[in-house]
Amino acid sequence: MNEIRAIEASQMKTELDEFKVGDTVKVHFKIVEGKTERIQIYEGLVIAMKNSRVGRTFTVRKNSYGVGVERIFPIHSPRIARVELARPGKVRRAKLYYIRDKIGKAAKIKELVGRKKPKAPPAAPVPAAGAAVAPAAQE
């Protein structure tokens, strides 16, 4: 039994992305086509999360050409590069399966105003358009 827990612990990711049910996320998923590997972005609404140690999964739903498509992603999968929060949602349910029956505006989730998105790393400062640039040191 301890061997199983040790194997599971080695496969678990240490840093997890912050998102919850009701958020609109972009899942960066590694796709292998022949010998090449690329990252495909799957954007949609998180409608469910299931918790079971290394088997944790989340379900993302999106509309593709008028057809609802759902995909289940394992959180600790090495194929998931990252999960980017696109828009936080305001919901009062743990599972949003009722969204499957909704059409059009009724399928929208309100945006959560108070929750902040994770900050991107600061970029290098860009000089202003009219600012004078110091000349290079002359010898």
N, C-alpha and C. Protein backbone atom coordinates (compact mmCIF):
# COMPACT_ATOMS: atom_id res chain seq x y z
N MET A 1 0.82 -1.20 0.00
CA MET A 1 0.00 0.00 0.00
C MET A 1 0.86 1.26 0.00
N ASN A 2 1.96 1.25 0.78
CA ASN A 2 2.85 2.40 0.82
C ASN A 2 3.56 2.61 -0.50
N GLU A 3 3.82 1.52 -1.25
CA GLU A 3 4.47 1.64 -2.55
C GLU A 3 3.57 2.40 -3.51
N ILE A 4 2.29 2.13 -3.46
CA ILE A 4 1.33 2.81 -4.34
C ILE A 4 1.30 4.29 -4.02
N ARG A 5 1.25 4.64 -2.74
CA ARG A 5 1.26 6.05 -2.35
C ARG A 5 2.56 6.74 -2.78
N ALA A 6 3.67 6.04 -2.72
CA ALA A 6 4.95 6.62 -3.12
C ALA A 6 4.97 6.90 -4.62
N ILE A 7 4.44 5.98 -5.41
CA ILE A 7 4.37 6.19 -6.87
C ILE A 7 3.45 7.35 -7.19
N GLU A 8 2.30 7.41 -6.52
CA GLU A 8 1.36 8.52 -6.74
C GLU A 8 2.00 9.86 -6.37
N ALA A 9 2.73 9.90 -5.28
CA ALA A 9 3.36 11.14 -4.83
C ALA A 9 4.41 11.61 -5.83
N SER A 10 5.10 10.68 -6.48
CA SER A 10 6.12 11.08 -7.45
C SER A 10 5.48 11.63 -8.73
N GLN A 11 4.25 11.25 -9.04
CA GLN A 11 3.58 11.69 -10.27
C GLN A 11 2.77 12.96 -10.09
N MET A 12 2.55 13.38 -8.86
CA MET A 12 1.73 14.57 -8.62
C MET A 12 2.53 15.84 -8.91
N LYS A 13 1.84 16.86 -9.47
CA LYS A 13 2.48 18.15 -9.71
C LYS A 13 2.54 18.91 -8.40
N THR A 14 3.62 19.68 -8.23
CA THR A 14 3.78 20.43 -6.99
C THR A 14 3.05 21.77 -7.09
N GLU A 15 3.15 22.45 -8.24
CA GLU A 15 2.49 23.74 -8.41
C GLU A 15 1.25 23.56 -9.27
N LEU A 16 0.10 23.84 -8.70
CA LEU A 16 -1.15 23.72 -9.44
C LEU A 16 -1.68 25.11 -9.78
N ASP A 17 -2.35 25.21 -10.91
CA ASP A 17 -2.93 26.47 -11.34
C ASP A 17 -4.20 26.74 -10.54
N GLU A 18 -4.46 28.02 -10.25
CA GLU A 18 -5.61 28.41 -9.44
C GLU A 18 -6.82 28.66 -10.32
N PHE A 19 -7.80 27.77 -10.24
CA PHE A 19 -9.08 27.97 -10.91
C PHE A 19 -10.11 27.13 -10.18
N LYS A 20 -11.38 27.41 -10.44
CA LYS A 20 -12.46 26.69 -9.77
C LYS A 20 -13.61 26.48 -10.75
N VAL A 21 -14.63 25.81 -10.30
CA VAL A 21 -15.81 25.58 -11.14
C VAL A 21 -16.47 26.92 -11.45
N GLY A 22 -16.84 27.12 -12.71
CA GLY A 22 -17.47 28.36 -13.14
C GLY A 22 -16.51 29.29 -13.85
N ASP A 23 -15.21 29.04 -13.75
CA ASP A 23 -14.22 29.87 -14.43
C ASP A 23 -14.10 29.46 -15.90
N THR A 24 -13.81 30.43 -16.73
CA THR A 24 -13.46 30.16 -18.12
C THR A 24 -11.95 30.07 -18.17
N VAL A 25 -11.44 28.93 -18.66
CA VAL A 25 -10.01 28.67 -18.65
C VAL A 25 -9.50 28.33 -20.05
N LYS A 26 -8.19 28.51 -20.22
CA LYS A 26 -7.49 28.07 -21.42
C LYS A 26 -6.54 26.97 -20.99
N VAL A 27 -6.78 25.76 -21.46
CA VAL A 27 -5.95 24.62 -21.11
C VAL A 27 -4.91 24.44 -22.22
N HIS A 28 -3.64 24.56 -21.88
CA HIS A 28 -2.55 24.36 -22.83
C HIS A 28 -2.17 22.89 -22.76
N PHE A 29 -2.56 22.14 -23.80
CA PHE A 29 -2.46 20.68 -23.81
C PHE A 29 -1.47 20.24 -24.88
N LYS A 30 -0.53 19.37 -24.53
CA LYS A 30 0.48 18.89 -25.49
C LYS A 30 -0.13 17.80 -26.36
N ILE A 31 -0.01 17.98 -27.68
CA ILE A 31 -0.52 17.02 -28.65
C ILE A 31 0.68 16.43 -29.39
N VAL A 32 0.72 15.11 -29.53
CA VAL A 32 1.79 14.45 -30.26
C VAL A 32 1.24 13.97 -31.59
N GLU A 33 1.82 14.47 -32.68
CA GLU A 33 1.42 14.07 -34.03
C GLU A 33 2.65 13.50 -34.72
N GLY A 34 2.71 12.20 -34.80
CA GLY A 34 3.89 11.57 -35.39
C GLY A 34 5.10 11.81 -34.51
N LYS A 35 6.11 12.48 -35.07
CA LYS A 35 7.32 12.77 -34.30
C LYS A 35 7.30 14.18 -33.73
N THR A 36 6.34 14.99 -34.14
CA THR A 36 6.29 16.37 -33.65
C THR A 36 5.36 16.48 -32.46
N GLU A 37 5.66 17.45 -31.63
CA GLU A 37 4.84 17.73 -30.45
C GLU A 37 4.51 19.22 -30.46
N ARG A 38 3.24 19.55 -30.24
CA ARG A 38 2.82 20.94 -30.22
C ARG A 38 1.85 21.15 -29.07
N ILE A 39 1.59 22.41 -28.75
CA ILE A 39 0.65 22.73 -27.68
C ILE A 39 -0.61 23.29 -28.31
N GLN A 40 -1.73 22.70 -27.96
CA GLN A 40 -3.04 23.14 -28.44
C GLN A 40 -3.79 23.75 -27.27
N ILE A 41 -4.47 24.87 -27.52
CA ILE A 41 -5.22 25.56 -26.46
C ILE A 41 -6.69 25.19 -26.59
N TYR A 42 -7.26 24.74 -25.48
CA TYR A 42 -8.66 24.37 -25.41
C TYR A 42 -9.31 25.33 -24.41
N GLU A 43 -10.17 26.22 -24.89
CA GLU A 43 -10.77 27.24 -24.02
C GLU A 43 -12.24 26.92 -23.79
N GLY A 44 -12.66 26.96 -22.53
CA GLY A 44 -14.04 26.69 -22.22
C GLY A 44 -14.34 26.91 -20.75
N LEU A 45 -15.55 26.54 -20.36
CA LEU A 45 -16.07 26.71 -19.01
C LEU A 45 -15.83 25.45 -18.19
N VAL A 46 -15.28 25.61 -16.99
CA VAL A 46 -15.10 24.47 -16.09
C VAL A 46 -16.45 24.17 -15.46
N ILE A 47 -17.00 22.98 -15.77
CA ILE A 47 -18.33 22.65 -15.24
C ILE A 47 -18.26 21.66 -14.09
N ALA A 48 -17.12 20.98 -13.89
CA ALA A 48 -17.02 20.03 -12.79
C ALA A 48 -15.56 19.78 -12.45
N MET A 49 -15.34 19.47 -11.16
CA MET A 49 -14.03 19.03 -10.69
C MET A 49 -14.26 17.81 -9.82
N LYS A 50 -13.43 16.80 -10.02
CA LYS A 50 -13.51 15.59 -9.22
C LYS A 50 -12.17 15.39 -8.53
N ASN A 51 -12.21 15.13 -7.24
CA ASN A 51 -10.99 15.04 -6.44
C ASN A 51 -10.73 13.62 -6.00
N SER A 52 -9.57 13.09 -6.38
CA SER A 52 -9.19 11.76 -5.96
C SER A 52 -7.68 11.64 -6.06
N ARG A 53 -6.95 12.33 -5.19
CA ARG A 53 -5.49 12.34 -5.14
C ARG A 53 -4.88 12.56 -6.51
N VAL A 54 -4.16 11.56 -7.04
CA VAL A 54 -3.48 11.72 -8.31
C VAL A 54 -4.48 11.67 -9.48
N GLY A 55 -5.67 11.17 -9.24
CA GLY A 55 -6.68 11.05 -10.28
C GLY A 55 -7.61 12.24 -10.38
N ARG A 56 -7.21 13.39 -9.84
CA ARG A 56 -8.05 14.59 -9.90
C ARG A 56 -8.29 14.99 -11.35
N THR A 57 -9.53 15.32 -11.68
CA THR A 57 -9.87 15.73 -13.04
C THR A 57 -10.76 16.95 -13.01
N PHE A 58 -10.81 17.65 -14.15
CA PHE A 58 -11.77 18.73 -14.32
C PHE A 58 -12.34 18.65 -15.72
N THR A 59 -13.61 19.01 -15.84
CA THR A 59 -14.32 18.93 -17.11
C THR A 59 -14.50 20.33 -17.67
N VAL A 60 -14.13 20.52 -18.93
CA VAL A 60 -14.23 21.81 -19.60
C VAL A 60 -15.21 21.67 -20.75
N ARG A 61 -16.16 22.61 -20.84
CA ARG A 61 -17.18 22.59 -21.89
C ARG A 61 -17.05 23.83 -22.74
N LYS A 62 -17.12 23.64 -24.06
CA LYS A 62 -17.12 24.76 -24.99
C LYS A 62 -18.09 24.47 -26.12
N ASN A 63 -18.50 25.52 -26.83
CA ASN A 63 -19.34 25.37 -28.01
C ASN A 63 -18.44 25.46 -29.23
N SER A 64 -18.50 24.46 -30.08
CA SER A 64 -17.70 24.44 -31.29
C SER A 64 -18.65 24.29 -32.48
N TYR A 65 -18.79 25.39 -33.23
CA TYR A 65 -19.68 25.42 -34.40
C TYR A 65 -21.11 25.00 -34.03
N GLY A 66 -21.59 25.51 -32.90
CA GLY A 66 -22.97 25.26 -32.49
C GLY A 66 -23.19 23.95 -31.77
N VAL A 67 -22.15 23.18 -31.55
CA VAL A 67 -22.27 21.89 -30.87
C VAL A 67 -21.48 21.96 -29.58
N GLY A 68 -22.08 21.56 -28.47
CA GLY A 68 -21.40 21.55 -27.18
C GLY A 68 -20.41 20.40 -27.12
N VAL A 69 -19.17 20.72 -26.75
CA VAL A 69 -18.11 19.72 -26.65
C VAL A 69 -17.53 19.77 -25.24
N GLU A 70 -17.43 18.62 -24.60
CA GLU A 70 -16.85 18.53 -23.26
C GLU A 70 -15.61 17.66 -23.30
N ARG A 71 -14.64 18.04 -22.51
CA ARG A 71 -13.41 17.26 -22.44
C ARG A 71 -12.97 17.18 -20.99
N ILE A 72 -12.54 16.02 -20.57
CA ILE A 72 -12.09 15.80 -19.19
C ILE A 72 -10.57 15.76 -19.19
N PHE A 73 -9.97 16.61 -18.35
CA PHE A 73 -8.52 16.69 -18.24
C PHE A 73 -8.07 16.23 -16.86
N PRO A 74 -7.07 15.35 -16.76
CA PRO A 74 -6.47 15.05 -15.46
C PRO A 74 -5.54 16.19 -15.05
N ILE A 75 -5.67 16.66 -13.84
CA ILE A 75 -4.88 17.80 -13.37
C ILE A 75 -3.39 17.47 -13.32
N HIS A 76 -3.04 16.29 -12.91
CA HIS A 76 -1.63 15.93 -12.72
C HIS A 76 -1.01 15.30 -13.96
N SER A 77 -1.66 15.41 -15.10
CA SER A 77 -1.13 14.83 -16.34
C SER A 77 0.10 15.60 -16.81
N PRO A 78 1.14 14.90 -17.26
CA PRO A 78 2.30 15.60 -17.80
C PRO A 78 2.01 16.26 -19.15
N ARG A 79 0.90 15.93 -19.77
CA ARG A 79 0.55 16.53 -21.06
C ARG A 79 -0.06 17.91 -20.91
N ILE A 80 -0.48 18.28 -19.72
CA ILE A 80 -1.02 19.62 -19.51
C ILE A 80 0.15 20.54 -19.17
N ALA A 81 0.41 21.49 -20.08
CA ALA A 81 1.50 22.44 -19.85
C ALA A 81 1.11 23.43 -18.76
N ARG A 82 -0.07 24.02 -18.90
CA ARG A 82 -0.58 24.93 -17.88
C ARG A 82 -2.05 25.18 -18.12
N VAL A 83 -2.71 25.72 -17.10
CA VAL A 83 -4.11 26.11 -17.20
C VAL A 83 -4.17 27.60 -16.88
N GLU A 84 -4.59 28.38 -17.87
CA GLU A 84 -4.62 29.84 -17.73
C GLU A 84 -6.04 30.30 -17.46
N LEU A 85 -6.22 31.11 -16.44
CA LEU A 85 -7.53 31.65 -16.11
C LEU A 85 -7.87 32.79 -17.07
N ALA A 86 -8.92 32.61 -17.86
CA ALA A 86 -9.32 33.63 -18.82
C ALA A 86 -10.33 34.59 -18.20
N ARG A 87 -11.28 34.03 -17.43
CA ARG A 87 -12.34 34.86 -16.85
C ARG A 87 -12.92 34.16 -15.63
N PRO A 88 -12.83 34.76 -14.45
CA PRO A 88 -13.41 34.12 -13.26
C PRO A 88 -14.93 34.18 -13.30
N GLY A 89 -15.57 33.14 -12.84
CA GLY A 89 -17.02 33.07 -12.86
C GLY A 89 -17.62 33.08 -11.48
N LYS A 90 -18.87 33.55 -11.40
CA LYS A 90 -19.59 33.62 -10.13
C LYS A 90 -20.70 32.57 -10.16
N VAL A 91 -20.51 31.49 -9.41
CA VAL A 91 -21.49 30.41 -9.38
C VAL A 91 -21.74 30.00 -7.94
N ARG A 92 -22.87 29.30 -7.74
CA ARG A 92 -23.23 28.83 -6.40
C ARG A 92 -23.43 27.33 -6.38
N ARG A 93 -22.83 26.65 -7.32
CA ARG A 93 -22.95 25.20 -7.40
C ARG A 93 -21.56 24.59 -7.56
N ALA A 94 -21.43 23.33 -7.15
CA ALA A 94 -20.17 22.63 -7.31
C ALA A 94 -20.08 21.95 -8.67
N LYS A 95 -21.21 21.59 -9.25
CA LYS A 95 -21.26 20.97 -10.56
C LYS A 95 -22.24 21.77 -11.41
N LEU A 96 -21.84 22.13 -12.62
CA LEU A 96 -22.67 22.96 -13.49
C LEU A 96 -23.23 22.15 -14.65
N TYR A 97 -23.73 20.96 -14.37
CA TYR A 97 -24.27 20.11 -15.43
C TYR A 97 -25.51 20.71 -16.07
N TYR A 98 -26.20 21.61 -15.39
CA TYR A 98 -27.41 22.22 -15.95
C TYR A 98 -27.09 23.10 -17.15
N ILE A 99 -25.84 23.50 -17.32
CA ILE A 99 -25.44 24.33 -18.46
C ILE A 99 -25.63 23.56 -19.77
N ARG A 100 -25.60 22.23 -19.72
CA ARG A 100 -25.77 21.42 -20.93
C ARG A 100 -27.12 21.66 -21.59
N ASP A 101 -28.14 21.97 -20.79
CA ASP A 101 -29.49 22.17 -21.32
C ASP A 101 -29.77 23.61 -21.73
N LYS A 102 -28.88 24.53 -21.40
CA LYS A 102 -29.10 25.94 -21.69
C LYS A 102 -28.60 26.29 -23.08
N ILE A 103 -29.25 27.27 -23.71
CA ILE A 103 -28.89 27.70 -25.06
C ILE A 103 -28.75 29.21 -25.07
N GLY A 104 -27.76 29.71 -25.78
CA GLY A 104 -27.58 31.15 -25.98
C GLY A 104 -27.18 31.86 -24.71
N LYS A 105 -27.87 33.00 -24.43
CA LYS A 105 -27.52 33.82 -23.27
C LYS A 105 -27.76 33.10 -21.95
N ALA A 106 -28.68 32.18 -21.93
CA ALA A 106 -28.99 31.45 -20.70
C ALA A 106 -27.81 30.59 -20.25
N ALA A 107 -26.91 30.27 -21.16
CA ALA A 107 -25.76 29.43 -20.83
C ALA A 107 -24.58 30.24 -20.31
N LYS A 108 -24.73 31.56 -20.21
CA LYS A 108 -23.63 32.40 -19.74
C LYS A 108 -23.53 32.37 -18.22
N ILE A 109 -22.32 32.52 -17.74
CA ILE A 109 -22.04 32.60 -16.30
C ILE A 109 -21.59 34.02 -16.01
N LYS A 110 -22.11 34.60 -14.92
CA LYS A 110 -21.71 35.95 -14.54
C LYS A 110 -20.24 35.98 -14.16
N GLU A 111 -19.60 37.12 -14.44
CA GLU A 111 -18.18 37.26 -14.10
C GLU A 111 -18.05 37.69 -12.65
N LEU A 112 -17.10 37.09 -11.96
CA LEU A 112 -16.83 37.42 -10.58
C LEU A 112 -15.93 38.65 -10.57
N VAL A 113 -16.43 39.73 -9.97
CA VAL A 113 -15.72 41.01 -10.03
C VAL A 113 -14.61 41.09 -9.00
N GLY A 114 -14.81 40.60 -7.80
CA GLY A 114 -13.86 40.78 -6.71
C GLY A 114 -12.60 39.94 -6.82
N ARG A 115 -12.61 38.86 -7.57
CA ARG A 115 -11.47 37.96 -7.66
C ARG A 115 -10.47 38.48 -8.68
N LYS A 116 -9.22 38.48 -8.30
CA LYS A 116 -8.19 39.01 -9.19
C LYS A 116 -7.53 37.89 -9.98
N LYS A 117 -7.18 38.20 -11.21
CA LYS A 117 -6.45 37.25 -12.04
C LYS A 117 -5.00 37.23 -11.58
N PRO A 118 -4.31 36.11 -11.75
CA PRO A 118 -2.89 36.09 -11.39
C PRO A 118 -2.11 37.06 -12.26
N LYS A 119 -1.15 37.75 -11.63
CA LYS A 119 -0.39 38.76 -12.36
C LYS A 119 0.67 38.10 -13.23
N ALA A 120 0.90 38.73 -14.40
CA ALA A 120 1.97 38.29 -15.28
C ALA A 120 3.27 38.89 -14.77
N PRO A 121 4.40 38.30 -15.09
CA PRO A 121 5.66 38.88 -14.64
C PRO A 121 5.85 40.26 -15.24
N PRO A 122 6.44 41.19 -14.48
CA PRO A 122 6.59 42.56 -14.99
C PRO A 122 7.52 42.61 -16.19
N ALA A 123 7.13 43.43 -17.18
CA ALA A 123 7.93 43.58 -18.39
C ALA A 123 8.98 44.66 -18.16
N ALA A 124 9.99 44.68 -19.02
CA ALA A 124 11.04 45.70 -18.92
C ALA A 124 10.44 47.05 -19.29
N PRO A 125 10.82 48.12 -18.57
CA PRO A 125 10.25 49.44 -18.86
C PRO A 125 10.65 49.92 -20.25
N VAL A 126 9.68 50.51 -20.94
CA VAL A 126 9.90 51.03 -22.28
C VAL A 126 10.01 52.54 -22.18
N PRO A 127 11.04 53.18 -22.77
CA PRO A 127 11.17 54.63 -22.67
C PRO A 127 10.02 55.31 -23.42
N ALA A 128 9.63 56.48 -22.92
CA ALA A 128 8.53 57.22 -23.53
C ALA A 128 8.94 57.68 -24.93
N ALA A 129 7.94 58.01 -25.76
CA ALA A 129 8.21 58.37 -27.15
C ALA A 129 9.06 59.63 -27.25
N GLY A 130 8.81 60.65 -26.40
CA GLY A 130 9.53 61.91 -26.48
C GLY A 130 10.74 61.98 -25.58
N ALA A 131 11.05 60.92 -24.87
CA ALA A 131 12.16 60.95 -23.92
C ALA A 131 13.49 60.89 -24.67
N ALA A 132 14.46 61.64 -24.15
CA ALA A 132 15.79 61.65 -24.76
C ALA A 132 16.54 60.42 -24.33
N VAL A 133 17.24 59.82 -25.27
CA VAL A 133 18.02 58.62 -24.97
C VAL A 133 19.45 59.06 -24.75
N ALA A 134 20.07 58.59 -23.67
CA ALA A 134 21.44 58.95 -23.33
C ALA A 134 22.39 58.42 -24.40
N PRO A 135 23.33 59.25 -24.86
CA PRO A 135 24.28 58.76 -25.87
C PRO A 135 25.20 57.72 -25.28
N ALA A 136 25.72 56.87 -26.15
CA ALA A 136 26.62 55.81 -25.71
C ALA A 136 27.92 56.43 -25.21
N ALA A 137 28.55 55.77 -24.27
CA ALA A 137 29.80 56.29 -23.69
C ALA A 137 30.88 56.30 -24.76
N GLN A 138 31.53 57.45 -24.88
CA GLN A 138 32.59 57.57 -25.90
C GLN A 138 33.93 57.43 -25.23
N GLU A 139 34.86 56.89 -25.95
CA GLU A 139 36.21 56.65 -25.40
C GLU A 139 37.16 57.70 -25.79
